[in-house]
Protein backbone atom coordinates (compact mmCIF):
# COMPACT_ATOMS: atom_id res chain seq x y z
CA MET A 1 123.90 97.13 106.48
CA PRO A 2 123.91 95.83 102.91
CA GLU A 3 124.07 98.16 99.92
CA ARG A 4 120.64 99.06 98.50
CA SER A 5 119.90 97.75 95.03
CA ASP A 6 119.61 100.10 92.08
CA ALA A 7 115.91 99.21 91.78
CA LEU A 8 115.29 100.16 95.41
CA LYS A 9 117.19 103.43 94.98
CA LYS A 10 115.16 104.26 91.87
CA ALA A 11 111.86 103.43 93.60
CA GLN A 12 112.75 105.60 96.60
CA GLN A 13 113.78 108.49 94.34
CA LYS A 14 110.49 108.26 92.42
CA TYR A 15 108.54 108.23 95.72
CA MET A 16 110.43 111.25 97.09
CA GLU A 17 109.76 113.28 93.91
CA LYS A 18 106.14 113.62 95.09
CA PHE A 19 107.21 115.79 98.01
CA SER A 20 108.53 119.28 98.59
CA VAL A 21 110.59 120.20 101.61
CA ALA A 22 109.61 123.09 103.87
CA ARG A 23 112.13 124.02 106.52
CA VAL A 24 110.85 125.37 109.81
CA ARG A 25 113.16 127.22 112.16
CA MET A 26 112.44 127.36 115.87
CA GLU A 27 114.43 127.60 119.02
CA ARG A 28 115.72 124.30 120.35
CA ASP A 29 113.56 124.33 123.50
CA ARG A 30 110.42 124.89 121.42
CA TYR A 31 111.41 122.05 119.07
CA GLU A 32 111.91 119.76 122.05
CA ARG A 33 108.40 120.64 123.31
CA VAL A 34 106.94 119.99 119.85
CA GLN A 35 108.80 116.68 119.66
CA ALA A 36 107.58 115.59 123.10
CA HIS A 37 104.01 116.59 122.24
CA ALA A 38 104.09 114.63 118.98
CA GLU A 39 105.65 111.55 120.59
CA ALA A 40 103.06 111.59 123.39
CA ARG A 41 100.41 111.23 120.68
CA GLY A 42 102.25 108.60 118.68
CA GLU A 43 103.20 110.99 115.87
CA SER A 44 106.41 112.07 114.26
CA VAL A 45 107.29 115.77 114.34
CA ASN A 46 106.64 115.88 110.59
CA GLY A 47 103.24 114.22 111.02
CA PHE A 48 102.30 116.59 113.81
CA ILE A 49 103.29 119.67 111.81
CA ASN A 50 101.33 118.45 108.77
CA ARG A 51 98.28 117.76 110.95
CA ALA A 52 98.55 121.17 112.60
CA ILE A 53 98.72 122.86 109.19
CA SER A 54 95.72 120.91 107.86
CA GLU A 55 93.62 121.60 110.96
CA THR A 56 94.48 125.30 110.92
CA MET A 57 93.71 125.64 107.21
CA GLU A 58 90.39 123.85 107.74
CA ARG A 59 89.52 126.10 110.67
CA ASP A 60 90.54 129.25 108.79
CA SER A 61 88.60 128.41 105.63
CA GLY A 62 85.65 126.57 107.14
CA ALA A 63 86.08 123.79 104.57
CA PRO A 64 87.70 120.38 105.15
CA VAL A 65 91.29 120.10 103.95
CA ALA A 66 92.67 116.66 103.10
CA ALA A 67 95.09 115.59 105.83
CA GLU A 68 98.41 114.16 104.67
CA GLU A 69 100.19 111.37 106.49
CA GLY A 70 103.79 112.07 107.17
């Protein structure tokens, strides 16, 4: 795979600065179930977790919460 250009590296770094990282710990068998569930619906694990958070926050508050793609 060819080396990425400096411009591409800079663009990716600027894009990633918009995000924070939240680590979630779970037992391996639970992670595998989450992964299978997400894949069965055409989602990544990250996308599924973000959707689950948004839907739970909306349900808990009664107000729509903007869903993030991920």
